[in-house]
Amino acid sequence: MPILRSDQEWAEYLHTHPEAHILQTPAWGKFKQSFGWHPAYVVCESCGAQVLFRKLPLGLSIGYIPKGPLGHSWEKLVPDLDRLCRKMHAIHLVIEPDLWELTPQADIFYHLEGFHFEEHTIQPRRTIKIDLLDDEEQILAGMKQKTRYNIRLAEKKDIQVRESHDLDTFYELMQATAKRDGFSVHHPSYYKEAYSLFSPLGQCVLLEATYQDQPLAALMTFACGDRAWYFYGASTEKERQRMPTYLLQWEAMRWAKARGCATYDLWGVPDHDEAYLEEHFQERSDGLWGVYRFKRGFGGRLVRSVPAAVKVYRPLFYRLYTWYNSRRSASQAQV
């Protein structure tokens, strides 16, 4: 049966795909189910996908495949995706694959029949990936000199990084950061639910940087297979001269490396090529530019995902939906 009935069946299928992105795991589907999405699973002989559906008025829905499908020969999956989307009365389906540009499979992706491609995506297209296979000294050597200095300065200035379970303090820091940097955050229940689902699986850690037991910064890092992702982070204005965020990020990398991860994804920088980013990062502070100024110091490789593939099932409703979305703020919280 190409459409699986349970998350347990999907979990069993994932045993044959250890490379799966964390956004394709049953835990992620269960997590998103708490916030208005319904997960469904489709497989064929060579590939499969977790599809998230969000209900709309009039019994309609939208379909979304984040960082999937898995496997190869995705065109074989399309008829079953169509069948599922029609069953769910979807106005359209969005696929954001776990694919980087300029790879052989990316070329095949562009030939999916019946889809058009959109440059704008829900998840950030451009990111920085750090190789964790080297030893710690080599990883540090790959960083900008100033970042290495700030990590060591934080250690000398008595910054302590510890594992935490204090989601209330984490959210207070998130609110302070959002107010300072002008971006939106999810409801506190969002972060609590993510932590409660993934932490028992060993796939999430909440780290907190403190000075004299006063929380200054915190982050939540996720891991699945041999990859880790920095999804959420926040800091206060207090004691910034002690550089707590630098040591905090380094300790998150060390956690991921100790867990067996080969890469650490810093998850989201401005969507420009490296030459443009390097030319303008010192003068720009809007959007993700401040984030880039911080993240670039940790070294790594700048990569960009392929665009979103969209298949429309109900053109009139799709036009209304895209018009409505275009009027919403571009600063929506991601992930």
Protein backbone atom coordinates (compact mmCIF):
# COMPACT_ATOMS: atom_id res chain seq x y z
CA MET A 1 0.00 0.00 0.00
CA PRO A 2 1.71 3.26 -1.07
CA ILE A 3 0.01 5.42 1.57
CA LEU A 4 1.12 4.36 5.06
CA ARG A 5 -1.36 4.45 7.89
CA SER A 6 0.78 5.25 10.95
CA ASP A 7 3.88 7.03 12.13
CA GLN A 8 5.19 3.65 13.33
CA GLU A 9 5.14 2.35 9.75
CA TRP A 10 6.95 5.49 8.65
CA ALA A 11 9.52 5.04 11.43
CA GLU A 12 10.17 1.51 10.20
CA TYR A 13 10.57 2.78 6.65
CA LEU A 14 13.11 5.37 7.86
CA HIS A 15 15.36 2.56 9.07
CA THR A 16 16.30 2.10 5.40
CA HIS A 17 17.03 5.84 5.06
CA PRO A 18 19.47 6.87 7.81
CA GLU A 19 20.25 10.00 5.80
CA ALA A 20 16.76 11.42 6.44
CA HIS A 21 16.51 15.06 7.51
CA ILE A 22 15.04 15.64 10.97
CA LEU A 23 12.06 17.42 9.36
CA GLN A 24 11.09 14.08 7.78
CA THR A 25 11.04 12.13 11.05
CA PRO A 26 7.83 10.92 12.76
CA ALA A 27 8.75 13.05 15.78
CA TRP A 28 8.69 16.16 13.61
CA GLY A 29 5.32 15.16 12.21
CA LYS A 30 3.97 14.65 15.73
CA PHE A 31 5.46 17.98 16.80
CA LYS A 32 3.82 19.89 13.95
CA GLN A 33 0.53 18.08 14.62
CA SER A 34 0.32 20.01 17.89
CA PHE A 35 0.27 23.24 15.88
CA GLY A 36 -2.31 22.66 13.19
CA TRP A 37 -0.59 20.25 10.78
CA HIS A 38 -1.54 16.67 10.00
CA PRO A 39 1.23 14.26 8.89
CA ALA A 40 0.66 11.62 6.21
CA TYR A 41 3.14 9.22 4.66
CA VAL A 42 3.56 8.03 1.08
CA VAL A 43 6.06 5.44 -0.18
CA CYS A 44 6.81 3.59 -3.38
CA GLU A 45 9.56 1.12 -4.24
CA SER A 46 12.38 3.68 -4.41
CA CYS A 47 11.27 6.69 -2.37
CA GLY A 48 8.93 8.06 0.27
CA ALA A 49 7.83 11.27 1.93
CA GLN A 50 6.22 12.64 5.05
CA VAL A 51 3.62 15.16 3.88
CA LEU A 52 2.25 17.77 6.28
CA PHE A 53 -1.27 19.08 5.65
CA ARG A 54 -2.72 22.24 7.14
CA LYS A 55 -6.49 22.70 7.13
CA LEU A 56 -8.02 25.77 5.50
CA PRO A 57 -11.61 27.01 5.45
CA LEU A 58 -14.19 25.28 3.21
CA GLY A 59 -12.68 21.87 3.93
CA LEU A 60 -9.54 22.66 1.92
CA SER A 61 -5.90 22.21 2.89
CA ILE A 62 -2.34 22.86 1.78
CA GLY A 63 0.32 20.14 1.49
CA TYR A 64 3.98 20.58 2.41
CA ILE A 65 6.97 18.22 2.19
CA PRO A 66 9.83 19.73 4.22
CA LYS A 67 13.30 18.38 3.34
CA GLY A 68 11.97 15.41 1.39
CA PRO A 69 11.19 13.12 -0.34
CA LEU A 70 13.68 10.43 0.60
CA GLY A 71 15.33 8.04 -1.81
CA HIS A 72 15.53 8.48 -5.59
CA SER A 73 13.33 8.42 -8.72
CA TRP A 74 10.92 10.88 -7.13
CA GLU A 75 8.80 11.01 -10.28
CA LYS A 76 7.48 7.55 -9.34
CA LEU A 77 6.05 9.03 -6.14
CA VAL A 78 4.08 11.81 -7.86
CA PRO A 79 0.92 9.79 -8.73
CA ASP A 80 0.54 8.71 -5.11
CA LEU A 81 1.18 12.27 -3.90
CA ASP A 82 -1.51 13.47 -6.29
CA ARG A 83 -3.93 10.87 -4.96
CA LEU A 84 -3.20 11.84 -1.36
CA CYS A 85 -3.48 15.58 -2.03
CA ARG A 86 -6.82 15.16 -3.77
CA LYS A 87 -8.06 13.03 -0.89
CA MET A 88 -7.07 15.86 1.48
CA HIS A 89 -8.65 18.51 -0.80
CA ALA A 90 -5.30 20.27 -1.08
CA ILE A 91 -5.19 23.45 -3.16
CA HIS A 92 -1.49 22.89 -3.75
CA LEU A 93 1.55 20.88 -2.66
CA VAL A 94 4.92 22.46 -1.84
CA ILE A 95 8.09 20.35 -1.90
CA GLU A 96 11.28 21.76 -0.35
CA PRO A 97 13.81 18.94 -0.83
CA ASP A 98 16.92 18.20 1.16
CA LEU A 99 19.01 19.04 -1.90
CA TRP A 100 21.77 21.53 -2.54
CA GLU A 101 22.14 23.34 -5.84
CA LEU A 102 24.67 22.13 -8.41
CA THR A 103 24.31 18.43 -7.55
CA PRO A 104 23.28 15.66 -10.00
CA GLN A 105 20.03 14.90 -8.17
CA ALA A 106 19.15 18.60 -8.20
CA ASP A 107 19.15 18.50 -12.01
CA ILE A 108 16.67 15.61 -11.95
CA PHE A 109 14.47 17.48 -9.47
CA TYR A 110 13.93 20.31 -11.98
CA HIS A 111 12.28 17.87 -14.36
CA LEU A 112 9.43 16.82 -12.06
CA GLU A 113 6.32 16.87 -14.24
CA GLY A 114 3.43 19.14 -13.33
CA PHE A 115 5.37 21.34 -10.91
CA HIS A 116 6.53 24.93 -11.18
CA PHE A 117 9.42 26.32 -9.15
CA GLU A 118 9.47 29.24 -6.72
CA GLU A 119 12.57 30.96 -5.41
CA HIS A 120 10.88 31.85 -2.12
CA THR A 121 10.86 28.97 0.37
CA ILE A 122 9.47 28.40 3.85
CA GLN A 123 12.81 27.23 5.25
CA PRO A 124 15.95 29.31 4.56
CA ARG A 125 17.65 28.39 1.30
CA ARG A 126 21.18 29.47 2.13
CA THR A 127 23.13 28.28 5.14
CA ILE A 128 26.62 27.54 6.45
CA LYS A 129 27.64 23.92 7.05
CA ILE A 130 30.57 23.10 9.31
CA ASP A 131 32.52 19.85 8.97
CA LEU A 132 32.82 18.10 12.34
CA LEU A 133 34.95 15.16 11.20
CA ASP A 134 38.21 16.96 11.98
CA ASP A 135 39.51 17.10 15.53
CA GLU A 136 38.56 20.09 17.68
CA GLU A 137 41.78 22.00 17.08
CA GLN A 138 41.33 21.70 13.32
CA ILE A 139 37.72 22.87 13.56
CA LEU A 140 38.85 25.87 15.60
CA ALA A 141 41.62 26.55 13.08
CA GLY A 142 38.98 26.77 10.34
CA MET A 143 37.23 29.64 12.12
CA LYS A 144 37.94 33.34 11.73
CA GLN A 145 40.67 34.52 14.08
CA LYS A 146 38.30 36.88 15.90
CA THR A 147 35.80 34.09 16.56
CA ARG A 148 38.50 31.82 18.01
CA TYR A 149 39.60 34.74 20.18
CA ASN A 150 36.05 35.36 21.41
CA ILE A 151 35.56 31.69 22.31
CA ARG A 152 38.72 31.72 24.39
CA LEU A 153 37.88 35.11 25.86
CA ALA A 154 34.52 33.79 27.07
CA GLU A 155 36.30 30.92 28.82
CA LYS A 156 38.75 33.33 30.47
CA LYS A 157 35.92 35.66 31.49
CA ASP A 158 34.21 32.89 33.48
CA ILE A 159 31.38 32.11 31.09
CA GLN A 160 29.97 28.69 31.88
CA VAL A 161 27.96 26.62 29.41
CA ARG A 162 25.65 24.01 30.85
CA GLU A 163 22.84 21.79 29.67
CA SER A 164 19.50 23.20 30.77
CA HIS A 165 15.86 22.16 30.97
CA ASP A 166 14.62 25.67 31.75
CA LEU A 167 12.34 26.47 28.82
CA ASP A 168 10.84 29.50 30.59
CA THR A 169 14.20 31.26 30.79
CA PHE A 170 14.93 30.24 27.20
CA TYR A 171 11.72 31.90 26.07
CA GLU A 172 12.48 35.07 28.03
CA LEU A 173 15.80 35.26 26.18
CA MET A 174 14.01 34.61 22.87
CA GLN A 175 11.63 37.51 23.53
CA ALA A 176 14.50 39.83 24.39
CA THR A 177 16.34 38.89 21.21
CA ALA A 178 13.22 39.28 19.05
CA LYS A 179 12.58 42.75 20.46
CA ARG A 180 16.20 43.79 19.90
CA ASP A 181 16.62 42.34 16.41
CA GLY A 182 13.10 42.80 15.06
CA PHE A 183 11.97 39.25 14.29
CA SER A 184 9.00 37.17 15.43
CA VAL A 185 9.05 34.14 17.70
CA HIS A 186 6.69 31.24 18.24
CA HIS A 187 4.45 30.83 21.27
CA PRO A 188 6.36 29.38 24.27
CA SER A 189 4.46 26.11 23.90
CA TYR A 190 6.15 25.63 20.52
CA TYR A 191 9.65 25.41 21.99
CA LYS A 192 8.47 23.36 24.96
CA GLU A 193 6.80 20.82 22.69
CA ALA A 194 9.87 20.53 20.44
CA TYR A 195 12.12 19.98 23.44
CA SER A 196 9.78 17.47 25.12
CA LEU A 197 9.59 15.37 21.95
CA PHE A 198 13.20 15.40 20.77
CA SER A 199 15.21 15.60 23.99
CA PRO A 200 14.18 12.12 25.25
CA LEU A 201 15.29 10.75 21.88
CA GLY A 202 18.75 12.27 22.34
CA GLN A 203 18.05 14.46 19.30
CA CYS A 204 17.87 17.85 21.00
CA VAL A 205 19.89 19.75 23.57
CA LEU A 206 19.18 23.06 25.28
CA LEU A 207 22.43 24.77 26.25
CA GLU A 208 22.67 27.86 28.42
CA ALA A 209 25.60 30.26 28.82
CA THR A 210 25.82 31.85 32.25
CA TYR A 211 27.96 34.24 34.22
CA GLN A 212 27.83 33.85 38.00
CA ASP A 213 24.71 31.69 37.48
CA GLN A 214 22.96 34.45 35.53
CA PRO A 215 21.66 33.20 32.14
CA LEU A 216 23.04 35.32 29.29
CA ALA A 217 22.34 33.23 26.19
CA ALA A 218 20.79 29.92 25.21
CA LEU A 219 20.29 27.79 22.13
CA MET A 220 18.49 24.67 21.03
CA THR A 221 20.36 22.33 18.69
CA PHE A 222 18.85 19.25 17.02
CA ALA A 223 20.52 16.14 15.62
CA CYS A 224 19.47 13.21 13.46
CA GLY A 225 21.76 10.61 11.95
CA ASP A 226 25.12 12.21 11.26
CA ARG A 227 23.82 15.80 11.01
CA ALA A 228 23.04 18.55 13.50
CA TRP A 229 21.13 21.82 13.08
CA TYR A 230 21.13 25.04 15.08
CA PHE A 231 17.44 26.00 14.96
CA TYR A 232 16.79 28.41 17.84
CA GLY A 233 19.03 30.79 19.77
CA ALA A 234 18.76 33.88 21.95
CA SER A 235 20.78 36.19 24.15
CA THR A 236 20.49 39.16 26.47
CA GLU A 237 22.34 42.47 26.25
CA LYS A 238 23.94 41.85 29.64
CA GLU A 239 27.65 41.00 29.85
CA ARG A 240 28.02 40.91 26.07
CA GLN A 241 31.66 41.90 26.43
CA ARG A 242 32.24 38.40 27.83
CA MET A 243 31.21 36.90 24.46
CA PRO A 244 28.87 34.19 25.82
CA THR A 245 27.24 33.42 22.46
CA TYR A 246 30.55 32.36 20.91
CA LEU A 247 31.37 29.81 23.58
CA LEU A 248 27.76 28.66 23.56
CA GLN A 249 27.84 27.92 19.83
CA TRP A 250 31.17 26.15 20.14
CA GLU A 251 29.82 23.92 22.92
CA ALA A 252 26.82 23.07 20.73
CA MET A 253 29.23 21.94 18.02
CA ARG A 254 31.13 19.87 20.55
CA TRP A 255 27.85 18.27 21.68
CA ALA A 256 27.01 17.39 18.07
CA LYS A 257 30.50 16.02 17.42
CA ALA A 258 30.42 13.89 20.59
CA ARG A 259 27.07 12.53 19.45
CA GLY A 260 28.68 11.34 16.19
CA CYS A 261 27.53 14.08 13.83
CA ALA A 262 29.66 14.80 10.76
CA THR A 263 28.17 18.22 9.96
CA TYR A 264 26.70 21.15 11.86
CA ASP A 265 24.22 23.34 9.99
CA LEU A 266 23.97 26.94 11.19
CA TRP A 267 20.53 27.16 9.50
CA GLY A 268 19.94 30.37 7.68
CA VAL A 269 21.89 33.36 6.36
CA PRO A 270 20.89 36.05 3.81
CA ASP A 271 20.23 34.55 0.39
CA HIS A 272 23.11 36.13 -1.53
CA ASP A 273 26.29 34.69 -2.98
CA GLU A 274 29.42 34.72 -0.87
CA ALA A 275 31.05 37.64 -2.68
CA TYR A 276 28.03 39.87 -2.03
CA LEU A 277 27.75 38.72 1.59
CA GLU A 278 31.40 39.45 2.29
CA GLU A 279 31.22 42.84 0.58
CA HIS A 280 28.22 44.07 2.57
CA PHE A 281 28.05 42.25 5.93
CA GLN A 282 29.75 45.07 7.84
CA GLU A 283 27.28 47.73 6.70
CA ARG A 284 24.02 45.73 6.80
CA SER A 285 22.06 44.84 9.94
CA ASP A 286 18.56 44.20 8.56
CA GLY A 287 17.00 40.75 8.24
CA LEU A 288 19.55 37.96 8.65
CA TRP A 289 22.57 40.17 8.11
CA GLY A 290 23.42 40.43 11.80
CA VAL A 291 23.07 36.66 12.01
CA TYR A 292 25.47 36.24 9.10
CA ARG A 293 28.04 38.52 10.72
CA PHE A 294 28.05 36.16 13.71
CA LYS A 295 27.82 32.84 11.89
CA ARG A 296 30.48 33.52 9.25
CA GLY A 297 33.12 33.54 11.95
CA PHE A 298 32.71 29.82 12.63
CA GLY A 299 34.09 28.87 9.22
CA GLY A 300 32.37 26.20 7.22
CA ARG A 301 30.96 26.19 3.71
CA LEU A 302 28.21 28.38 2.29
CA VAL A 303 25.59 26.25 0.48
CA ARG A 304 22.18 26.91 -1.09
CA SER A 305 19.21 24.58 -1.46
CA VAL A 306 17.15 24.15 -4.60
CA PRO A 307 13.94 26.22 -4.89
CA ALA A 308 10.49 25.03 -3.87
CA ALA A 309 8.53 22.84 -6.28
CA VAL A 310 4.82 23.63 -6.31
CA LYS A 311 1.98 21.62 -7.82
CA VAL A 312 -1.39 23.37 -8.00
CA TYR A 313 -4.63 21.38 -7.78
CA ARG A 314 -7.13 24.25 -7.39
CA PRO A 315 -5.86 27.29 -9.32
CA LEU A 316 -8.43 29.83 -8.14
CA PHE A 317 -7.96 29.03 -4.46
CA TYR A 318 -4.20 28.92 -5.00
CA ARG A 319 -4.22 32.48 -6.36
CA LEU A 320 -6.27 33.66 -3.38
CA TYR A 321 -3.97 31.88 -0.96
CA THR A 322 -0.76 33.32 -2.46
CA TRP A 323 -2.29 36.81 -2.51
CA TYR A 324 -3.16 36.52 1.18
CA ASN A 325 0.31 35.23 2.06
CA SER A 326 2.00 38.05 0.16
CA ARG A 327 0.30 40.54 2.49
CA ARG A 328 1.58 38.90 5.63
CA SER A 329 4.78 39.96 7.34
CA ALA A 330 8.01 38.50 5.91
CA SER A 331 9.41 38.17 9.45
CA GLN A 332 7.50 35.01 10.36
CA ALA A 333 9.34 32.63 12.69
CA GLN A 334 10.79 29.70 10.74
CA VAL A 335 11.16 25.97 11.39
